[in-house]
Amino acid sequence: MIPIEIQESSPRFESFVVEESNEGRKVNLDLLDEVRDHARIHSEALKRRVRLRHKTKTKPRQFKVVDLVMRKAHPYQIENKLSPKWTGPFRIVEAYKLKTLEGGAIPRTWNAENLKFYFS
């Protein structure tokens, strides 16, 4: 109860019985473990559903060392809606490190979501 309900007479304050409140609190404490178990089971089921949905939406891609790939363009490279969304081609040198066809190295590794096969 909030303090104003204690100062001013309200139906909730007048019908309050300490013994019933204590019994209700004890019942809630007894059920606490069951509520926690139910919440944990629900949380695990939700995580499993999210993982399954993610797996069905993603495309597994396996790039080999000599494959030619296109790289997703950076936002600063896209000037308008007709600008190309992919740049390249690039050659994969090792574990998602790229190199231009002329031999210039690209400084970092790239996530497979930002790469797609280049078909010439």
C-alpha atoms as a PDB file:
ATOM      1  CA  MET A   1       0.000   0.000   0.000  1.00  0.00           C
ATOM      2  CA  ILE A   2       1.127   3.526  -0.615  1.00  0.00           C
ATOM      3  CA  PRO A   3       1.328   6.008   2.301  1.00  0.00           C
ATOM      4  CA  ILE A   4      -1.704   8.025   1.181  1.00  0.00           C
ATOM      5  CA  GLU A   5      -3.877   4.888   1.501  1.00  0.00           C
ATOM      6  CA  ILE A   6      -2.794   4.516   5.146  1.00  0.00           C
ATOM      7  CA  GLN A   7      -3.437   8.167   6.019  1.00  0.00           C
ATOM      8  CA  GLU A   8      -6.774   8.380   4.231  1.00  0.00           C
ATOM      9  CA  SER A   9      -9.289   5.682   4.904  1.00  0.00           C
ATOM     10  CA  SER A  10      -9.725   3.481   1.835  1.00  0.00           C
ATOM     11  CA  PRO A  11     -11.560   0.183   1.209  1.00  0.00           C
ATOM     12  CA  ARG A  12      -8.253  -1.568   0.644  1.00  0.00           C
ATOM     13  CA  PHE A  13      -6.893  -0.379   3.998  1.00  0.00           C
ATOM     14  CA  GLU A  14     -10.074  -1.248   5.853  1.00  0.00           C
ATOM     15  CA  SER A  15     -10.263  -4.787   4.427  1.00  0.00           C
ATOM     16  CA  PHE A  16      -6.569  -5.546   5.067  1.00  0.00           C
ATOM     17  CA  VAL A  17      -5.995  -8.547   7.368  1.00  0.00           C
ATOM     18  CA  VAL A  18      -2.437  -9.271   8.520  1.00  0.00           C
ATOM     19  CA  GLU A  19      -2.905 -13.066   8.878  1.00  0.00           C
ATOM     20  CA  GLU A  20      -4.247 -13.447   5.339  1.00  0.00           C
ATOM     21  CA  SER A  21      -1.410 -11.321   4.005  1.00  0.00           C
ATOM     22  CA  ASN A  22       1.203 -13.456   5.785  1.00  0.00           C
ATOM     23  CA  GLU A  23      -0.394 -16.680   4.499  1.00  0.00           C
ATOM     24  CA  GLY A  24      -0.434 -15.331   0.961  1.00  0.00           C
ATOM     25  CA  ARG A  25       3.225 -14.342   1.229  1.00  0.00           C
ATOM     26  CA  LYS A  26       4.159 -17.840   2.481  1.00  0.00           C
ATOM     27  CA  VAL A  27       2.280 -19.444  -0.434  1.00  0.00           C
ATOM     28  CA  ASN A  28       4.093 -17.169  -2.882  1.00  0.00           C
ATOM     29  CA  LEU A  29       7.452 -18.129  -1.336  1.00  0.00           C
ATOM     30  CA  ASP A  30       6.566 -21.829  -1.643  1.00  0.00           C
ATOM     31  CA  LEU A  31       5.707 -21.378  -5.329  1.00  0.00           C
ATOM     32  CA  LEU A  32       8.799 -19.302  -6.072  1.00  0.00           C
ATOM     33  CA  ASP A  33      10.941 -22.268  -7.212  1.00  0.00           C
ATOM     34  CA  GLU A  34       8.189 -23.483  -9.540  1.00  0.00           C
ATOM     35  CA  VAL A  35       7.801 -20.022 -11.070  1.00  0.00           C
ATOM     36  CA  ARG A  36      11.573 -19.789 -11.608  1.00  0.00           C
ATOM     37  CA  ASP A  37      11.663 -23.236 -13.245  1.00  0.00           C
ATOM     38  CA  HIS A  38       8.762 -22.294 -15.510  1.00  0.00           C
ATOM     39  CA  ALA A  39      10.512 -19.036 -16.500  1.00  0.00           C
ATOM     40  CA  ARG A  40      13.782 -20.897 -17.230  1.00  0.00           C
ATOM     41  CA  ILE A  41      11.981 -23.478 -19.394  1.00  0.00           C
ATOM     42  CA  HIS A  42      10.144 -20.719 -21.256  1.00  0.00           C
ATOM     43  CA  SER A  43      13.406 -18.817 -21.794  1.00  0.00           C
ATOM     44  CA  GLU A  44      15.185 -21.902 -23.187  1.00  0.00           C
ATOM     45  CA  ALA A  45      12.271 -22.644 -25.526  1.00  0.00           C
ATOM     46  CA  LEU A  46      12.343 -19.062 -26.790  1.00  0.00           C
ATOM     47  CA  LYS A  47      16.107 -19.226 -27.395  1.00  0.00           C
ATOM     48  CA  ARG A  48      15.652 -22.487 -29.303  1.00  0.00           C
ATOM     49  CA  ARG A  49      12.949 -20.954 -31.519  1.00  0.00           C
ATOM     50  CA  VAL A  50      15.098 -17.892 -32.241  1.00  0.00           C
ATOM     51  CA  ARG A  51      18.108 -20.104 -33.076  1.00  0.00           C
ATOM     52  CA  LEU A  52      15.997 -22.244 -35.409  1.00  0.00           C
ATOM     53  CA  ARG A  53      14.563 -19.208 -37.204  1.00  0.00           C
ATOM     54  CA  HIS A  54      18.041 -17.726 -37.608  1.00  0.00           C
ATOM     55  CA  LYS A  55      19.366 -20.974 -39.091  1.00  0.00           C
ATOM     56  CA  THR A  56      16.551 -21.139 -41.641  1.00  0.00           C
ATOM     57  CA  LYS A  57      17.173 -17.534 -42.786  1.00  0.00           C
ATOM     58  CA  THR A  58      20.944 -17.658 -43.185  1.00  0.00           C
ATOM     59  CA  LYS A  59      22.710 -19.037 -46.233  1.00  0.00           C
ATOM     60  CA  PRO A  60      25.794 -21.080 -45.421  1.00  0.00           C
ATOM     61  CA  ARG A  61      28.705 -19.995 -47.595  1.00  0.00           C
ATOM     62  CA  GLN A  62      32.039 -21.733 -47.855  1.00  0.00           C
ATOM     63  CA  PHE A  63      34.666 -19.745 -49.714  1.00  0.00           C
ATOM     64  CA  LYS A  64      37.906 -21.335 -50.864  1.00  0.00           C
ATOM     65  CA  VAL A  65      41.278 -19.622 -51.022  1.00  0.00           C
ATOM     66  CA  VAL A  66      41.236 -18.847 -54.752  1.00  0.00           C
ATOM     67  CA  ASP A  67      37.559 -17.843 -55.115  1.00  0.00           C
ATOM     68  CA  LEU A  68      36.560 -14.511 -56.600  1.00  0.00           C
ATOM     69  CA  VAL A  69      34.088 -12.592 -54.445  1.00  0.00           C
ATOM     70  CA  MET A  70      32.187  -9.315 -54.374  1.00  0.00           C
ATOM     71  CA  ARG A  71      32.219  -7.197 -51.227  1.00  0.00           C
ATOM     72  CA  LYS A  72      29.221  -5.243 -49.933  1.00  0.00           C
ATOM     73  CA  ALA A  73      29.750  -1.530 -50.556  1.00  0.00           C
ATOM     74  CA  HIS A  74      30.290   0.822 -47.636  1.00  0.00           C
ATOM     75  CA  PRO A  75      27.543   3.409 -47.033  1.00  0.00           C
ATOM     76  CA  TYR A  76      29.926   6.223 -48.037  1.00  0.00           C
ATOM     77  CA  GLN A  77      30.486   4.498 -51.403  1.00  0.00           C
ATOM     78  CA  ILE A  78      26.757   4.546 -52.209  1.00  0.00           C
ATOM     79  CA  GLU A  79      25.995   8.018 -53.562  1.00  0.00           C
ATOM     80  CA  ASN A  80      22.400   7.449 -54.671  1.00  0.00           C
ATOM     81  CA  LYS A  81      19.930   4.631 -55.159  1.00  0.00           C
ATOM     82  CA  LEU A  82      21.421   3.715 -58.557  1.00  0.00           C
ATOM     83  CA  SER A  83      24.959   3.254 -57.200  1.00  0.00           C
ATOM     84  CA  PRO A  84      26.252  -0.338 -57.156  1.00  0.00           C
ATOM     85  CA  LYS A  85      25.619  -2.124 -53.857  1.00  0.00           C
ATOM     86  CA  TRP A  86      28.590  -4.495 -54.292  1.00  0.00           C
ATOM     87  CA  THR A  87      32.234  -3.724 -55.150  1.00  0.00           C
ATOM     88  CA  GLY A  88      34.872  -5.992 -56.547  1.00  0.00           C
ATOM     89  CA  PRO A  89      35.893  -8.538 -57.689  1.00  0.00           C
ATOM     90  CA  PHE A  90      38.410  -9.547 -55.035  1.00  0.00           C
ATOM     91  CA  ARG A  91      40.362 -12.752 -54.540  1.00  0.00           C
ATOM     92  CA  ILE A  92      40.361 -14.598 -51.211  1.00  0.00           C
ATOM     93  CA  VAL A  93      43.939 -15.024 -50.001  1.00  0.00           C
ATOM     94  CA  GLU A  94      43.377 -16.769 -46.659  1.00  0.00           C
ATOM     95  CA  ALA A  95      40.510 -17.147 -44.128  1.00  0.00           C
ATOM     96  CA  TYR A  96      38.342 -14.276 -45.442  1.00  0.00           C
ATOM     97  CA  LYS A  97      41.218 -11.898 -46.133  1.00  0.00           C
ATOM     98  CA  LEU A  98      40.870 -10.219 -49.503  1.00  0.00           C
ATOM     99  CA  LYS A  99      43.232  -8.969 -52.169  1.00  0.00           C
ATOM    100  CA  THR A 100      42.495  -7.027 -55.341  1.00  0.00           C
ATOM    101  CA  LEU A 101      43.118  -8.697 -58.687  1.00  0.00           C
ATOM    102  CA  GLU A 102      46.162  -6.429 -59.170  1.00  0.00           C
ATOM    103  CA  GLY A 103      47.663  -7.753 -55.915  1.00  0.00           C
ATOM    104  CA  GLY A 104      46.835  -4.996 -53.428  1.00  0.00           C
ATOM    105  CA  ALA A 105      45.918  -6.337 -49.995  1.00  0.00           C
ATOM    106  CA  ILE A 106      42.703  -5.304 -48.248  1.00  0.00           C
ATOM    107  CA  PRO A 107      43.630  -4.611 -44.598  1.00  0.00           C
ATOM    108  CA  ARG A 108      41.201  -6.721 -42.548  1.00  0.00           C
ATOM    109  CA  THR A 109      39.139  -9.907 -42.630  1.00  0.00           C
ATOM    110  CA  TRP A 110      35.523  -9.864 -43.836  1.00  0.00           C
ATOM    111  CA  ASN A 111      32.390 -11.530 -42.542  1.00  0.00           C
ATOM    112  CA  ALA A 112      30.815 -14.034 -44.952  1.00  0.00           C
ATOM    113  CA  GLU A 113      27.538 -12.066 -44.851  1.00  0.00           C
ATOM    114  CA  ASN A 114      29.341  -9.163 -46.528  1.00  0.00           C
ATOM    115  CA  LEU A 115      30.741 -11.341 -49.319  1.00  0.00           C
ATOM    116  CA  LYS A 116      29.140 -13.127 -52.252  1.00  0.00           C
ATOM    117  CA  PHE A 117      30.524 -15.184 -55.096  1.00  0.00           C
ATOM    118  CA  TYR A 118      31.639 -13.371 -58.243  1.00  0.00           C
ATOM    119  CA  PHE A 119      30.687 -15.165 -61.431  1.00  0.00           C
ATOM    120  CA  SER A 120      32.592 -14.014 -64.519  1.00  0.00           C
END
